[in-house]
Amino acid sequence: MAAKLDYHWHLRKVMADRGMFSTTDLIPPLEER
């Protein structure tokens, strides 16, 4: 049986760990870059 590669995306969790609870909190820092 061959292994199928997949992944989990943890952006929401990492944002919450950094105190960012709204998705729009990312817009200004992204625009700065």
Full PDB file with SEQRES, HELIX, SHEET, SSBOND, CRYST1, ORIGX, SCALE, CONECT and MASTER records, all heavy atoms in Angstrom:
SEQRES   1 A   33  MET ALA ALA LYS LEU ASP TYR HIS TRP HIS LEU ARG LYS          
SEQRES   2 A   33  VAL MET ALA ASP ARG GLY MET PHE SER THR THR ASP LEU          
SEQRES   3 A   33  ILE PRO PRO LEU GLU GLU ARG                                  
HELIX    1 AA1 LEU A   11  ASP A   17  1                                   7    
HELIX    2 AA2 THR A   23  LEU A   26  5                                   4    
HELIX    3 AA3 ILE A   27  GLU A   32  1                                   6    
CRYST1    1.000    1.000    1.000  90.00  90.00  90.00 P 1           1          
ORIGX1      1.000000  0.000000  0.000000        0.00000                         
ORIGX2      0.000000  1.000000  0.000000        0.00000                         
ORIGX3      0.000000  0.000000  1.000000        0.00000                         
SCALE1      1.000000  0.000000  0.000000        0.00000                         
SCALE2      0.000000  1.000000  0.000000        0.00000                         
SCALE3      0.000000  0.000000  1.000000        0.00000                         
ATOM      1  N   MET A   1       0.840  -1.181   0.000  1.00  0.00           N  
ATOM      2  CA  MET A   1       0.000   0.000   0.000  1.00  0.00           C  
ATOM      3  C   MET A   1       0.886   1.245   0.000  1.00  0.00           C  
ATOM      4  O   MET A   1       1.737   1.415   0.857  1.00  0.00           O  
ATOM      5  CB  MET A   1      -0.897  -0.016   1.241  1.00  0.00           C  
ATOM      6  CG  MET A   1      -2.265   0.502   0.972  1.00  0.00           C  
ATOM      7  SD  MET A   1      -3.261   0.608   2.451  1.00  0.00           S  
ATOM      8  CE  MET A   1      -3.979  -0.995   2.482  1.00  0.00           C  
ATOM      9  N   ALA A   2       0.689   2.111  -0.965  1.00  0.00           N  
ATOM     10  CA  ALA A   2       1.473   3.342  -1.057  1.00  0.00           C  
ATOM     11  C   ALA A   2       0.862   4.401  -0.148  1.00  0.00           C  
ATOM     12  O   ALA A   2      -0.349   4.482  -0.007  1.00  0.00           O  
ATOM     13  CB  ALA A   2       1.502   3.833  -2.495  1.00  0.00           C  
ATOM     14  N   ALA A   3       1.724   5.205   0.455  1.00  0.00           N  
ATOM     15  CA  ALA A   3       1.244   6.282   1.317  1.00  0.00           C  
ATOM     16  C   ALA A   3       0.839   7.471   0.457  1.00  0.00           C  
ATOM     17  O   ALA A   3       1.528   7.830  -0.486  1.00  0.00           O  
ATOM     18  CB  ALA A   3       2.321   6.694   2.300  1.00  0.00           C  
ATOM     19  N   LYS A   4      -0.292   8.061   0.784  1.00  0.00           N  
ATOM     20  CA  LYS A   4      -0.754   9.249   0.092  1.00  0.00           C  
ATOM     21  C   LYS A   4      -0.366  10.439   0.960  1.00  0.00           C  
ATOM     22  O   LYS A   4      -0.658  10.466   2.155  1.00  0.00           O  
ATOM     23  CB  LYS A   4      -2.270   9.189  -0.085  1.00  0.00           C  
ATOM     24  CG  LYS A   4      -2.839  10.376  -0.795  1.00  0.00           C  
ATOM     25  CD  LYS A   4      -4.347  10.248  -0.920  1.00  0.00           C  
ATOM     26  CE  LYS A   4      -4.895  11.530  -1.491  1.00  0.00           C  
ATOM     27  NZ  LYS A   4      -6.346  11.568  -1.429  1.00  0.00           N  
ATOM     28  N   LEU A   5       0.294  11.415   0.377  1.00  0.00           N  
ATOM     29  CA  LEU A   5       0.745  12.565   1.138  1.00  0.00           C  
ATOM     30  C   LEU A   5      -0.383  13.567   1.305  1.00  0.00           C  
ATOM     31  O   LEU A   5      -1.135  13.834   0.381  1.00  0.00           O  
ATOM     32  CB  LEU A   5       1.934  13.219   0.448  1.00  0.00           C  
ATOM     33  CG  LEU A   5       3.161  12.339   0.306  1.00  0.00           C  
ATOM     34  CD1 LEU A   5       4.246  13.080  -0.453  1.00  0.00           C  
ATOM     35  CD2 LEU A   5       3.671  11.893   1.645  1.00  0.00           C  
ATOM     36  N   ASP A   6      -0.486  14.115   2.493  1.00  0.00           N  
ATOM     37  CA  ASP A   6      -1.508  15.103   2.800  1.00  0.00           C  
ATOM     38  C   ASP A   6      -0.939  16.038   3.858  1.00  0.00           C  
ATOM     39  O   ASP A   6       0.199  15.855   4.301  1.00  0.00           O  
ATOM     40  CB  ASP A   6      -2.769  14.404   3.302  1.00  0.00           C  
ATOM     41  CG  ASP A   6      -4.030  15.217   3.037  1.00  0.00           C  
ATOM     42  OD1 ASP A   6      -3.916  16.347   2.509  1.00  0.00           O  
ATOM     43  OD2 ASP A   6      -5.126  14.738   3.356  1.00  0.00           O  
ATOM     44  N   TYR A   7      -1.710  17.022   4.280  1.00  0.00           N  
ATOM     45  CA  TYR A   7      -1.212  17.956   5.286  1.00  0.00           C  
ATOM     46  C   TYR A   7      -2.362  18.586   6.047  1.00  0.00           C  
ATOM     47  O   TYR A   7      -3.497  18.593   5.597  1.00  0.00           O  
ATOM     48  CB  TYR A   7      -0.362  19.059   4.639  1.00  0.00           C  
ATOM     49  CG  TYR A   7      -1.127  19.945   3.688  1.00  0.00           C  
ATOM     50  CD1 TYR A   7      -1.666  21.151   4.109  1.00  0.00           C  
ATOM     51  CD2 TYR A   7      -1.328  19.571   2.368  1.00  0.00           C  
ATOM     52  CE1 TYR A   7      -2.379  21.963   3.241  1.00  0.00           C  
ATOM     53  CE2 TYR A   7      -2.035  20.367   1.497  1.00  0.00           C  
ATOM     54  CZ  TYR A   7      -2.559  21.560   1.939  1.00  0.00           C  
ATOM     55  OH  TYR A   7      -3.275  22.357   1.086  1.00  0.00           O  
ATOM     56  N   HIS A   8      -2.034  19.071   7.247  1.00  0.00           N  
ATOM     57  CA  HIS A   8      -2.963  19.859   8.047  1.00  0.00           C  
ATOM     58  C   HIS A   8      -2.468  21.301   8.027  1.00  0.00           C  
ATOM     59  O   HIS A   8      -1.267  21.559   8.134  1.00  0.00           O  
ATOM     60  CB  HIS A   8      -3.020  19.363   9.494  1.00  0.00           C  
ATOM     61  CG  HIS A   8      -3.672  18.035   9.648  1.00  0.00           C  
ATOM     62  ND1 HIS A   8      -5.003  17.817   9.377  1.00  0.00           N  
ATOM     63  CD2 HIS A   8      -3.185  16.844  10.059  1.00  0.00           C  
ATOM     64  CE1 HIS A   8      -5.298  16.562   9.612  1.00  0.00           C  
ATOM     65  NE2 HIS A   8      -4.201  15.949  10.020  1.00  0.00           N  
ATOM     66  N   TRP A   9      -3.391  22.243   7.906  1.00  0.00           N  
ATOM     67  CA  TRP A   9      -3.088  23.666   7.841  1.00  0.00           C  
ATOM     68  C   TRP A   9      -3.469  24.276   9.186  1.00  0.00           C  
ATOM     69  O   TRP A   9      -4.627  24.250   9.573  1.00  0.00           O  
ATOM     70  CB  TRP A   9      -3.873  24.284   6.687  1.00  0.00           C  
ATOM     71  CG  TRP A   9      -3.707  25.739   6.446  1.00  0.00           C  
ATOM     72  CD1 TRP A   9      -4.676  26.697   6.546  1.00  0.00           C  
ATOM     73  CD2 TRP A   9      -2.530  26.427   6.020  1.00  0.00           C  
ATOM     74  NE1 TRP A   9      -4.168  27.924   6.208  1.00  0.00           N  
ATOM     75  CE2 TRP A   9      -2.847  27.789   5.878  1.00  0.00           C  
ATOM     76  CE3 TRP A   9      -1.231  26.015   5.748  1.00  0.00           C  
ATOM     77  CZ2 TRP A   9      -1.934  28.743   5.485  1.00  0.00           C  
ATOM     78  CZ3 TRP A   9      -0.310  26.968   5.353  1.00  0.00           C  
ATOM     79  CH2 TRP A   9      -0.658  28.314   5.221  1.00  0.00           C  
ATOM     80  N   HIS A  10      -2.493  24.836   9.917  1.00  0.00           N  
ATOM     81  CA  HIS A  10      -2.708  25.317  11.279  1.00  0.00           C  
ATOM     82  C   HIS A  10      -2.661  26.835  11.410  1.00  0.00           C  
ATOM     83  O   HIS A  10      -2.355  27.348  12.482  1.00  0.00           O  
ATOM     84  CB  HIS A  10      -1.649  24.710  12.211  1.00  0.00           C  
ATOM     85  CG  HIS A  10      -1.719  23.225  12.325  1.00  0.00           C  
ATOM     86  ND1 HIS A  10      -2.767  22.563  12.915  1.00  0.00           N  
ATOM     87  CD2 HIS A  10      -0.871  22.258  11.888  1.00  0.00           C  
ATOM     88  CE1 HIS A  10      -2.556  21.267  12.861  1.00  0.00           C  
ATOM     89  NE2 HIS A  10      -1.415  21.049  12.239  1.00  0.00           N  
ATOM     90  N   LEU A  11      -2.983  27.582  10.360  1.00  0.00           N  
ATOM     91  CA  LEU A  11      -2.887  29.039  10.418  1.00  0.00           C  
ATOM     92  C   LEU A  11      -3.816  29.611  11.484  1.00  0.00           C  
ATOM     93  O   LEU A  11      -3.425  30.489  12.257  1.00  0.00           O  
ATOM     94  CB  LEU A  11      -3.191  29.658   9.054  1.00  0.00           C  
ATOM     95  CG  LEU A  11      -3.151  31.182   8.989  1.00  0.00           C  
ATOM     96  CD1 LEU A  11      -1.796  31.722   9.440  1.00  0.00           C  
ATOM     97  CD2 LEU A  11      -3.474  31.665   7.582  1.00  0.00           C  
ATOM     98  N   ARG A  12      -5.035  29.114  11.556  1.00  0.00           N  
ATOM     99  CA  ARG A  12      -5.993  29.640  12.539  1.00  0.00           C  
ATOM    100  C   ARG A  12      -5.478  29.449  13.965  1.00  0.00           C  
ATOM    101  O   ARG A  12      -5.552  30.344  14.798  1.00  0.00           O  
ATOM    102  CB  ARG A  12      -7.338  28.938  12.371  1.00  0.00           C  
ATOM    103  CG  ARG A  12      -8.381  29.398  13.385  1.00  0.00           C  
ATOM    104  CD  ARG A  12      -9.650  28.628  13.217  1.00  0.00           C  
ATOM    105  NE  ARG A  12     -10.456  29.286  12.204  1.00  0.00           N  
ATOM    106  CZ  ARG A  12     -11.673  28.913  11.864  1.00  0.00           C  
ATOM    107  NH1 ARG A  12     -12.213  27.868  12.427  1.00  0.00           N  
ATOM    108  NH2 ARG A  12     -12.338  29.560  10.946  1.00  0.00           N  
ATOM    109  N   LYS A  13      -4.920  28.276  14.261  1.00  0.00           N  
ATOM    110  CA  LYS A  13      -4.400  27.985  15.600  1.00  0.00           C  
ATOM    111  C   LYS A  13      -3.206  28.877  15.925  1.00  0.00           C  
ATOM    112  O   LYS A  13      -3.112  29.431  17.025  1.00  0.00           O  
ATOM    113  CB  LYS A  13      -4.011  26.519  15.706  1.00  0.00           C  
ATOM    114  CG  LYS A  13      -3.454  26.132  17.059  1.00  0.00           C  
ATOM    115  CD  LYS A  13      -2.905  24.719  17.017  1.00  0.00           C  
ATOM    116  CE  LYS A  13      -2.278  24.309  18.313  1.00  0.00           C  
ATOM    117  NZ  LYS A  13      -1.238  25.176  18.781  1.00  0.00           N  
ATOM    118  N   VAL A  14      -2.292  29.036  14.968  1.00  0.00           N  
ATOM    119  CA  VAL A  14      -1.109  29.866  15.193  1.00  0.00           C  
ATOM    120  C   VAL A  14      -1.522  31.320  15.413  1.00  0.00           C  
ATOM    121  O   VAL A  14      -0.968  32.008  16.281  1.00  0.00           O  
ATOM    122  CB  VAL A  14      -0.106  29.726  14.026  1.00  0.00           C  
ATOM    123  CG1 VAL A  14       1.040  30.700  14.157  1.00  0.00           C  
ATOM    124  CG2 VAL A  14       0.415  28.299  13.942  1.00  0.00           C  
ATOM    125  N   MET A  15      -2.487  31.790  14.643  1.00  0.00           N  
ATOM    126  CA  MET A  15      -2.983  33.155  14.842  1.00  0.00           C  
ATOM    127  C   MET A  15      -3.572  33.317  16.242  1.00  0.00           C  
ATOM    128  O   MET A  15      -3.295  34.310  16.920  1.00  0.00           O  
ATOM    129  CB  MET A  15      -4.051  33.500  13.797  1.00  0.00           C  
ATOM    130  CG  MET A  15      -3.519  33.796  12.423  1.00  0.00           C  
ATOM    131  SD  MET A  15      -4.840  34.133  11.248  1.00  0.00           S  
ATOM    132  CE  MET A  15      -5.588  35.597  11.939  1.00  0.00           C  
ATOM    133  N   ALA A  16      -4.362  32.342  16.695  1.00  0.00           N  
ATOM    134  CA  ALA A  16      -4.964  32.419  18.025  1.00  0.00           C  
ATOM    135  C   ALA A  16      -3.894  32.414  19.110  1.00  0.00           C  
ATOM    136  O   ALA A  16      -4.003  33.137  20.108  1.00  0.00           O  
ATOM    137  CB  ALA A  16      -5.936  31.267  18.234  1.00  0.00           C  
ATOM    138  N   ASP A  17      -2.839  31.635  18.919  1.00  0.00           N  
ATOM    139  CA  ASP A  17      -1.738  31.607  19.881  1.00  0.00           C  
ATOM    140  C   ASP A  17      -1.045  32.964  19.980  1.00  0.00           C  
ATOM    141  O   ASP A  17      -0.462  33.294  21.010  1.00  0.00           O  
ATOM    142  CB  ASP A  17      -0.704  30.544  19.497  1.00  0.00           C  
ATOM    143  CG  ASP A  17      -1.238  29.126  19.662  1.00  0.00           C  
ATOM    144  OD1 ASP A  17      -2.280  28.943  20.343  1.00  0.00           O  
ATOM    145  OD2 ASP A  17      -0.619  28.200  19.102  1.00  0.00           O  
ATOM    146  N   ARG A  18      -1.119  33.756  18.899  1.00  0.00           N  
ATOM    147  CA  ARG A  18      -0.485  35.075  18.876  1.00  0.00           C  
ATOM    148  C   ARG A  18      -1.468  36.199  19.222  1.00  0.00           C  
ATOM    149  O   ARG A  18      -1.151  37.366  19.109  1.00  0.00           O  
ATOM    150  CB  ARG A  18       0.113  35.373  17.487  1.00  0.00           C  
ATOM    151  CG  ARG A  18       1.046  34.324  16.908  1.00  0.00           C  
ATOM    152  CD  ARG A  18       2.319  34.150  17.724  1.00  0.00           C  
ATOM    153  NE  ARG A  18       3.314  33.334  17.062  1.00  0.00           N  
ATOM    154  CZ  ARG A  18       3.383  32.002  17.128  1.00  0.00           C  
ATOM    155  NH1 ARG A  18       2.482  31.328  17.790  1.00  0.00           N  
ATOM    156  NH2 ARG A  18       4.347  31.351  16.518  1.00  0.00           N  
ATOM    157  N   GLY A  19      -2.694  35.839  19.618  1.00  0.00           N  
ATOM    158  CA  GLY A  19      -3.686  36.838  20.007  1.00  0.00           C  
ATOM    159  C   GLY A  19      -4.425  37.464  18.843  1.00  0.00           C  
ATOM    160  O   GLY A  19      -5.061  38.503  18.994  1.00  0.00           O  
ATOM    161  N   MET A  20      -4.368  36.845  17.680  1.00  0.00           N  
ATOM    162  CA  MET A  20      -5.084  37.346  16.500  1.00  0.00           C  
ATOM    163  C   MET A  20      -6.325  36.469  16.311  1.00  0.00           C  
ATOM    164  O   MET A  20      -6.213  35.340  15.852  1.00  0.00           O  
ATOM    165  CB  MET A  20      -4.189  37.293  15.261  1.00  0.00           C  
ATOM    166  CG  MET A  20      -2.921  38.103  15.387  1.00  0.00           C  
ATOM    167  SD  MET A  20      -1.819  37.852  13.987  1.00  0.00           S  
ATOM    168  CE  MET A  20      -2.497  39.009  12.830  1.00  0.00           C  
ATOM    169  N   PHE A  21      -7.488  36.993  16.672  1.00  0.00           N  
ATOM    170  CA  PHE A  21      -8.701  36.193  16.632  1.00  0.00           C  
ATOM    171  C   PHE A  21      -9.621  36.557  15.473  1.00  0.00           C  
ATOM    172  O   PHE A  21     -10.624  35.905  15.263  1.00  0.00           O  
ATOM    173  CB  PHE A  21      -9.446  36.321  17.965  1.00  0.00           C  
ATOM    174  CG  PHE A  21      -8.637  35.801  19.117  1.00  0.00           C  
ATOM    175  CD1 PHE A  21      -8.023  36.675  19.996  1.00  0.00           C  
ATOM    176  CD2 PHE A  21      -8.458  34.448  19.301  1.00  0.00           C  
ATOM    177  CE1 PHE A  21      -7.265  36.196  21.044  1.00  0.00           C  
ATOM    178  CE2 PHE A  21      -7.703  33.964  20.348  1.00  0.00           C  
ATOM    179  CZ  PHE A  21      -7.099  34.842  21.222  1.00  0.00           C  
ATOM    180  N   SER A  22      -9.305  37.579  14.719  1.00  0.00           N  
ATOM    181  CA  SER A  22     -10.092  37.974  13.563  1.00  0.00           C  
ATOM    182  C   SER A  22      -9.246  37.773  12.311  1.00  0.00           C  
ATOM    183  O   SER A  22      -8.060  38.110  12.296  1.00  0.00           O  
ATOM    184  CB  SER A  22     -10.503  39.443  13.691  1.00  0.00           C  
ATOM    185  OG  SER A  22     -11.192  39.855  12.539  1.00  0.00           O  
ATOM    186  N   THR A  23      -9.861  37.247  11.278  1.00  0.00           N  
ATOM    187  CA  THR A  23      -9.104  37.006  10.051  1.00  0.00           C  
ATOM    188  C   THR A  23      -8.589  38.309   9.442  1.00  0.00           C  
ATOM    189  O   THR A  23      -7.526  38.327   8.831  1.00  0.00           O  
ATOM    190  CB  THR A  23      -9.962  36.259   9.012  1.00  0.00           C  
ATOM    191  OG1 THR A  23     -11.128  37.017   8.734  1.00  0.00           O  
ATOM    192  CG2 THR A  23     -10.344  34.885   9.524  1.00  0.00           C  
ATOM    193  N   THR A  24      -9.330  39.398   9.665  1.00  0.00           N  
ATOM    194  CA  THR A  24      -8.906  40.681   9.081  1.00  0.00           C  
ATOM    195  C   THR A  24      -7.711  41.282   9.809  1.00  0.00           C  
ATOM    196  O   THR A  24      -7.136  42.261   9.326  1.00  0.00           O  
ATOM    197  CB  THR A  24     -10.073  41.689   9.096  1.00  0.00           C  
ATOM    198  OG1 THR A  24     -10.567  41.812  10.437  1.00  0.00           O  
ATOM    199  CG2 THR A  24     -11.194  41.234   8.176  1.00  0.00           C  
ATOM    200  N   ASP A  25      -7.310  40.685  10.942  1.00  0.00           N  
ATOM    201  CA  ASP A  25      -6.098  41.146  11.634  1.00  0.00           C  
ATOM    202  C   ASP A  25      -4.856  40.949  10.773  1.00  0.00           C  
ATOM    203  O   ASP A  25      -3.826  41.584  11.007  1.00  0.00           O  
ATOM    204  CB  ASP A  25      -5.908  40.401  12.958  1.00  0.00           C  
ATOM    205  CG  ASP A  25      -6.946  40.773  13.999  1.00  0.00           C  
ATOM    206  OD1 ASP A  25      -7.625  41.808  13.819  1.00  0.00           O  
ATOM    207  OD2 ASP A  25      -7.080  40.034  14.998  1.00  0.00           O  
ATOM    208  N   LEU A  26      -4.933  40.075   9.781  1.00  0.00           N  
ATOM    209  CA  LEU A  26      -3.782  39.811   8.914  1.00  0.00           C  
ATOM    210  C   LEU A  26      -3.628  40.838   7.791  1.00  0.00           C  
ATOM    211  O   LEU A  26      -2.554  40.953   7.212  1.00  0.00           O  
ATOM    212  CB  LEU A  26      -3.895  38.425   8.283  1.00  0.00           C  
ATOM    213  CG  LEU A  26      -3.455  37.236   9.128  1.00  0.00           C  
ATOM    214  CD1 LEU A  26      -3.686  35.948   8.367  1.00  0.00           C  
ATOM    215  CD2 LEU A  26      -2.014  37.362   9.537  1.00  0.00           C  
ATOM    216  N   ILE A  27      -4.691  41.556   7.462  1.00  0.00           N  
ATOM    217  CA  ILE A  27      -4.643  42.450   6.297  1.00  0.00           C  
ATOM    218  C   ILE A  27      -3.580  43.540   6.431  1.00  0.00           C  
ATOM    219  O   ILE A  27      -2.747  43.677   5.530  1.00  0.00           O  
ATOM    220  CB  ILE A  27      -6.045  43.030   5.993  1.00  0.00           C  
ATOM    221  CG1 ILE A  27      -6.979  41.894   5.556  1.00  0.00           C  
ATOM    222  CG2 ILE A  27      -5.976  44.104   4.918  1.00  0.00           C  
ATOM    223  CD1 ILE A  27      -8.419  42.310   5.355  1.00  0.00           C  
ATOM    224  N   PRO A  28      -3.530  44.330   7.516  1.00  0.00           N  
ATOM    225  CA  PRO A  28      -2.496  45.380   7.611  1.00  0.00           C  
ATOM    226  C   PRO A  28      -1.060  44.846   7.595  1.00  0.00           C  
ATOM    227  O   PRO A  28      -0.221  45.374   6.848  1.00  0.00           O  
ATOM    228  CB  PRO A  28      -2.819  46.096   8.934  1.00  0.00           C  
ATOM    229  CG  PRO A  28      -4.260  45.824   9.179  1.00  0.00           C  
ATOM    230  CD  PRO A  28      -4.515  44.462   8.614  1.00  0.00           C  
ATOM    231  N   PRO A  29      -0.726  43.780   8.354  1.00  0.00           N  
ATOM    232  CA  PRO A  29       0.660  43.287   8.282  1.00  0.00           C  
ATOM    233  C   PRO A  29       1.032  42.742   6.902  1.00  0.00           C  
ATOM    234  O   PRO A  29       2.188  42.867   6.476  1.00  0.00           O  
ATOM    235  CB  PRO A  29       0.732  42.187   9.339  1.00  0.00           C  
ATOM    236  CG  PRO A  29      -0.530  42.201  10.088  1.00  0.00           C  
ATOM    237  CD  PRO A  29      -1.475  43.100   9.398  1.00  0.00           C  
ATOM    238  N   LEU A  30       0.050  42.145   6.207  1.00  0.00           N  
ATOM    239  CA  LEU A  30       0.343  41.672   4.847  1.00  0.00           C  
ATOM    240  C   LEU A  30       0.597  42.854   3.917  1.00  0.00           C  
ATOM    241  O   LEU A  30       1.511  42.803   3.076  1.00  0.00           O  
ATOM    242  CB  LEU A  30      -0.812  40.813   4.311  1.00  0.00           C  
ATOM    243  CG  LEU A  30      -0.919  39.390   4.858  1.00  0.00           C  
ATOM    244  CD1 LEU A  30      -2.231  38.751   4.435  1.00  0.00           C  
ATOM    245  CD2 LEU A  30       0.263  38.548   4.417  1.00  0.00           C  
ATOM    246  N   GLU A  31      -0.189  43.934   4.058  1.00  0.00           N  
ATOM    247  CA  GLU A  31       0.003  45.112   3.212  1.00  0.00           C  
ATOM    248  C   GLU A  31       1.346  45.783   3.492  1.00  0.00           C  
ATOM    249  O   GLU A  31       1.969  46.328   2.585  1.00  0.00           O  
ATOM    250  CB  GLU A  31      -1.156  46.090   3.400  1.00  0.00           C  
ATOM    251  CG  GLU A  31      -2.425  45.613   2.723  1.00  0.00           C  
ATOM    252  CD  GLU A  31      -3.604  46.551   2.905  1.00  0.00           C  
ATOM    253  OE1 GLU A  31      -3.532  47.483   3.752  1.00  0.00           O  
ATOM    254  OE2 GLU A  31      -4.608  46.350   2.196  1.00  0.00           O  
ATOM    255  N   GLU A  32       1.810  45.738   4.737  1.00  0.00           N  
ATOM    256  CA  GLU A  32       3.137  46.276   5.070  1.00  0.00           C  
ATOM    257  C   GLU A  32       4.231  45.532   4.323  1.00  0.00           C  
ATOM    258  O   GLU A  32       5.300  46.087   4.065  1.00  0.00           O  
ATOM    259  CB  GLU A  32       3.399  46.162   6.579  1.00  0.00           C  
ATOM    260  CG  GLU A  32       2.578  47.096   7.428  1.00  0.00           C  
ATOM    261  CD  GLU A  32       2.758  46.807   8.913  1.00  0.00           C  
ATOM    262  OE1 GLU A  32       3.643  45.997   9.289  1.00  0.00           O  
ATOM    263  OE2 GLU A  32       2.003  47.394   9.711  1.00  0.00           O  
ATOM    264  N   ARG A  33       3.969  44.295   3.980  1.00  0.00           N  
ATOM    265  CA  ARG A  33       4.950  43.471   3.266  1.00  0.00           C  
ATOM    266  C   ARG A  33       4.680  43.429   1.763  1.00  0.00           C  
ATOM    267  O   ARG A  33       5.216  42.603   1.050  1.00  0.00           O  
ATOM    268  CB  ARG A  33       4.953  42.078   3.870  1.00  0.00           C  
ATOM    269  CG  ARG A  33       5.604  42.082   5.252  1.00  0.00           C  
ATOM    270  CD  ARG A  33       5.176  40.892   6.081  1.00  0.00           C  
ATOM    271  NE  ARG A  33       5.805  40.905   7.380  1.00  0.00           N  
ATOM    272  CZ  ARG A  33       5.356  41.599   8.429  1.00  0.00           C  
ATOM    273  NH1 ARG A  33       4.258  42.325   8.319  1.00  0.00           N  
ATOM    274  NH2 ARG A  33       5.989  41.556   9.586  1.00  0.00           N  
TER     275      ARG A  33                                                      
MASTER        0    0    0    3    0    0    0    6  274    1    0    3          
END                                                                             
